[in-house]
Amino acid sequence: MMNELLSNLYLLHTTPLGRERIRKNLQLTGEDPVAFCRELLSHPACHIFRQGKNWYGEKDRIRITVNAHSHTIITAHRTE
């Protein structure tokens, strides 16, 4: 099941508001939020799991939430 998200990383996208939300939550400056999320999700140490309609990827105290059907990055935030 995990391979489904990884094999479709090229489909990842987000809305303009999603871009700003990810930038703010992760304190990204000048970096493309979608590229950042794609890179984090593709890292071998990233823990990926599906819960309901969403995929979650966790690594380095960052959690990324992706809609499983549309491949839209909903949000990304730091975890404690």
N, C-alpha and C. Protein backbone atom coordinates (compact mmCIF):
# COMPACT_ATOMS: atom_id res chain seq x y z
N MET A 1 0.82 -1.20 0.00
CA MET A 1 0.00 0.00 0.00
C MET A 1 0.87 1.27 0.00
N MET A 2 1.99 1.25 0.74
CA MET A 2 2.85 2.42 0.81
C MET A 2 3.37 2.79 -0.57
N ASN A 3 3.63 1.80 -1.41
CA ASN A 3 4.15 2.07 -2.74
C ASN A 3 3.19 2.89 -3.58
N GLU A 4 1.90 2.86 -3.26
CA GLU A 4 0.91 3.64 -4.00
C GLU A 4 1.21 5.14 -3.91
N LEU A 5 1.52 5.62 -2.72
CA LEU A 5 1.87 7.04 -2.56
C LEU A 5 3.23 7.31 -3.20
N LEU A 6 4.20 6.48 -2.90
CA LEU A 6 5.55 6.71 -3.43
C LEU A 6 5.60 6.65 -4.95
N SER A 7 4.83 5.77 -5.55
CA SER A 7 4.86 5.67 -7.01
C SER A 7 4.11 6.81 -7.68
N ASN A 8 3.37 7.59 -6.90
CA ASN A 8 2.63 8.72 -7.47
C ASN A 8 3.10 10.07 -6.94
N LEU A 9 4.33 10.13 -6.46
CA LEU A 9 4.84 11.40 -5.93
C LEU A 9 4.81 12.51 -6.97
N TYR A 10 4.94 12.16 -8.23
CA TYR A 10 4.93 13.17 -9.29
C TYR A 10 3.57 13.87 -9.40
N LEU A 11 2.52 13.27 -8.83
CA LEU A 11 1.18 13.86 -8.86
C LEU A 11 0.93 14.83 -7.71
N LEU A 12 1.84 14.88 -6.74
CA LEU A 12 1.63 15.75 -5.58
C LEU A 12 1.48 17.21 -6.01
N HIS A 13 0.53 17.87 -5.40
CA HIS A 13 0.31 19.30 -5.65
C HIS A 13 -0.42 19.87 -4.44
N THR A 14 -0.59 21.17 -4.41
CA THR A 14 -1.38 21.79 -3.37
C THR A 14 -1.99 23.07 -3.94
N THR A 15 -2.86 23.67 -3.17
CA THR A 15 -3.51 24.91 -3.58
C THR A 15 -2.61 26.09 -3.22
N PRO A 16 -2.88 27.27 -3.75
CA PRO A 16 -2.11 28.45 -3.34
C PRO A 16 -2.17 28.68 -1.82
N LEU A 17 -3.33 28.50 -1.22
CA LEU A 17 -3.43 28.64 0.23
C LEU A 17 -2.66 27.54 0.95
N GLY A 18 -2.66 26.36 0.38
CA GLY A 18 -1.90 25.24 0.95
C GLY A 18 -0.41 25.54 0.94
N ARG A 19 0.08 26.14 -0.14
CA ARG A 19 1.50 26.51 -0.24
C ARG A 19 1.87 27.46 0.90
N GLU A 20 1.04 28.46 1.12
CA GLU A 20 1.32 29.42 2.18
C GLU A 20 1.24 28.78 3.56
N ARG A 21 0.26 27.90 3.76
CA ARG A 21 0.10 27.21 5.04
C ARG A 21 1.33 26.35 5.34
N ILE A 22 1.82 25.63 4.33
CA ILE A 22 3.00 24.77 4.51
C ILE A 22 4.23 25.63 4.79
N ARG A 23 4.39 26.71 4.02
CA ARG A 23 5.54 27.62 4.24
C ARG A 23 5.53 28.15 5.66
N LYS A 24 4.36 28.59 6.12
CA LYS A 24 4.25 29.16 7.47
C LYS A 24 4.50 28.09 8.54
N ASN A 25 3.85 26.94 8.40
CA ASN A 25 3.96 25.89 9.42
C ASN A 25 5.37 25.33 9.54
N LEU A 26 6.08 25.23 8.42
CA LEU A 26 7.43 24.66 8.43
C LEU A 26 8.52 25.72 8.38
N GLN A 27 8.11 26.97 8.36
CA GLN A 27 9.05 28.10 8.31
C GLN A 27 10.02 27.97 7.13
N LEU A 28 9.45 27.70 5.95
CA LEU A 28 10.25 27.57 4.74
C LEU A 28 10.42 28.96 4.12
N THR A 29 11.61 29.25 3.65
CA THR A 29 11.84 30.53 2.98
C THR A 29 12.46 30.25 1.61
N GLY A 30 11.79 30.71 0.59
CA GLY A 30 12.31 30.57 -0.76
C GLY A 30 12.30 29.17 -1.33
N GLU A 31 11.84 28.21 -0.56
CA GLU A 31 11.83 26.82 -1.01
C GLU A 31 10.43 26.46 -1.50
N ASP A 32 10.35 25.69 -2.57
CA ASP A 32 9.06 25.23 -3.07
C ASP A 32 8.48 24.21 -2.09
N PRO A 33 7.34 24.50 -1.47
CA PRO A 33 6.77 23.59 -0.47
C PRO A 33 6.45 22.20 -1.03
N VAL A 34 6.00 22.12 -2.27
CA VAL A 34 5.67 20.82 -2.86
C VAL A 34 6.94 20.00 -3.06
N ALA A 35 8.00 20.64 -3.54
CA ALA A 35 9.28 19.94 -3.73
C ALA A 35 9.83 19.49 -2.38
N PHE A 36 9.70 20.33 -1.36
CA PHE A 36 10.16 19.97 -0.02
C PHE A 36 9.41 18.73 0.47
N CYS A 37 8.09 18.72 0.32
CA CYS A 37 7.28 17.59 0.78
C CYS A 37 7.60 16.33 -0.01
N ARG A 38 7.77 16.47 -1.31
CA ARG A 38 8.10 15.33 -2.16
C ARG A 38 9.43 14.70 -1.73
N GLU A 39 10.40 15.55 -1.44
CA GLU A 39 11.71 15.06 -1.02
C GLU A 39 11.62 14.35 0.33
N LEU A 40 10.89 14.94 1.28
CA LEU A 40 10.76 14.32 2.60
C LEU A 40 10.05 12.97 2.51
N LEU A 41 8.96 12.92 1.72
CA LEU A 41 8.20 11.68 1.59
C LEU A 41 9.02 10.57 0.90
N SER A 42 9.92 10.94 0.02
CA SER A 42 10.69 9.94 -0.72
C SER A 42 11.90 9.43 0.06
N HIS A 43 12.20 10.06 1.19
CA HIS A 43 13.36 9.64 1.99
C HIS A 43 13.09 8.26 2.60
N PRO A 44 14.06 7.36 2.58
CA PRO A 44 13.87 6.00 3.12
C PRO A 44 13.47 5.98 4.60
N ALA A 45 13.84 6.99 5.36
CA ALA A 45 13.52 7.01 6.79
C ALA A 45 12.14 7.58 7.09
N CYS A 46 11.42 8.02 6.06
CA CYS A 46 10.09 8.59 6.26
C CYS A 46 9.08 7.47 6.53
N HIS A 47 8.34 7.62 7.61
CA HIS A 47 7.31 6.64 7.99
C HIS A 47 6.01 7.06 7.31
N ILE A 48 5.53 6.24 6.38
CA ILE A 48 4.32 6.56 5.62
C ILE A 48 3.22 5.58 6.00
N PHE A 49 2.03 6.13 6.25
CA PHE A 49 0.89 5.28 6.57
C PHE A 49 -0.39 5.94 6.09
N ARG A 50 -1.39 5.11 5.89
CA ARG A 50 -2.68 5.61 5.45
C ARG A 50 -3.68 5.45 6.57
N GLN A 51 -4.49 6.49 6.75
CA GLN A 51 -5.55 6.46 7.74
C GLN A 51 -6.77 7.09 7.08
N GLY A 52 -7.78 6.28 6.81
CA GLY A 52 -8.97 6.80 6.13
C GLY A 52 -8.65 7.28 4.74
N LYS A 53 -9.05 8.52 4.45
CA LYS A 53 -8.86 9.06 3.09
C LYS A 53 -7.52 9.77 2.90
N ASN A 54 -6.68 9.76 3.91
CA ASN A 54 -5.41 10.49 3.83
C ASN A 54 -4.19 9.60 4.02
N TRP A 55 -3.11 10.01 3.37
CA TRP A 55 -1.79 9.46 3.61
C TRP A 55 -1.08 10.41 4.56
N TYR A 56 -0.22 9.86 5.41
CA TYR A 56 0.60 10.67 6.32
C TYR A 56 2.04 10.22 6.16
N GLY A 57 2.92 11.19 6.12
CA GLY A 57 4.35 10.92 6.11
C GLY A 57 5.00 11.65 7.27
N GLU A 58 5.81 10.93 8.05
CA GLU A 58 6.46 11.54 9.21
C GLU A 58 7.96 11.28 9.19
N LYS A 59 8.70 12.36 9.36
CA LYS A 59 10.17 12.28 9.43
C LYS A 59 10.67 13.57 10.06
N ASP A 60 11.69 13.46 10.91
CA ASP A 60 12.32 14.62 11.55
C ASP A 60 11.30 15.54 12.20
N ARG A 61 10.32 14.95 12.87
CA ARG A 61 9.28 15.69 13.60
C ARG A 61 8.44 16.58 12.70
N ILE A 62 8.27 16.15 11.45
CA ILE A 62 7.39 16.83 10.50
C ILE A 62 6.37 15.82 10.02
N ARG A 63 5.11 16.22 10.00
CA ARG A 63 4.04 15.35 9.48
C ARG A 63 3.41 16.04 8.28
N ILE A 64 3.33 15.29 7.17
CA ILE A 64 2.71 15.77 5.94
C ILE A 64 1.42 14.98 5.73
N THR A 65 0.34 15.68 5.43
CA THR A 65 -0.95 15.05 5.20
C THR A 65 -1.31 15.21 3.72
N VAL A 66 -1.60 14.09 3.05
CA VAL A 66 -1.90 14.09 1.62
C VAL A 66 -3.22 13.37 1.39
N ASN A 67 -4.13 13.98 0.63
CA ASN A 67 -5.37 13.32 0.27
C ASN A 67 -5.05 12.15 -0.65
N ALA A 68 -5.55 10.97 -0.32
CA ALA A 68 -5.20 9.75 -1.05
C ALA A 68 -5.79 9.71 -2.46
N HIS A 69 -6.90 10.40 -2.69
CA HIS A 69 -7.54 10.31 -4.00
C HIS A 69 -7.06 11.38 -4.97
N SER A 70 -6.86 12.60 -4.47
CA SER A 70 -6.48 13.69 -5.36
C SER A 70 -4.98 13.99 -5.35
N HIS A 71 -4.24 13.38 -4.40
CA HIS A 71 -2.80 13.62 -4.23
C HIS A 71 -2.50 15.08 -3.89
N THR A 72 -3.46 15.73 -3.23
CA THR A 72 -3.29 17.11 -2.79
C THR A 72 -2.65 17.12 -1.41
N ILE A 73 -1.59 17.89 -1.25
CA ILE A 73 -1.00 18.05 0.08
C ILE A 73 -1.92 18.99 0.85
N ILE A 74 -2.52 18.47 1.90
CA ILE A 74 -3.48 19.25 2.68
C ILE A 74 -2.73 20.19 3.62
N THR A 75 -1.78 19.64 4.35
CA THR A 75 -1.00 20.44 5.28
C THR A 75 0.29 19.71 5.63
N ALA A 76 1.17 20.45 6.23
CA ALA A 76 2.41 19.89 6.79
C ALA A 76 2.71 20.71 8.02
N HIS A 77 3.10 20.05 9.08
CA HIS A 77 3.41 20.78 10.30
C HIS A 77 4.43 20.02 11.14
N ARG A 78 5.00 20.73 12.06
CA ARG A 78 5.96 20.13 12.99
C ARG A 78 5.20 19.45 14.12
N THR A 79 5.70 18.31 14.53
CA THR A 79 5.10 17.59 15.64
C THR A 79 6.00 17.72 16.85
N GLU A 80 5.42 17.58 18.02
CA GLU A 80 6.22 17.71 19.25
C GLU A 80 6.61 16.36 19.79
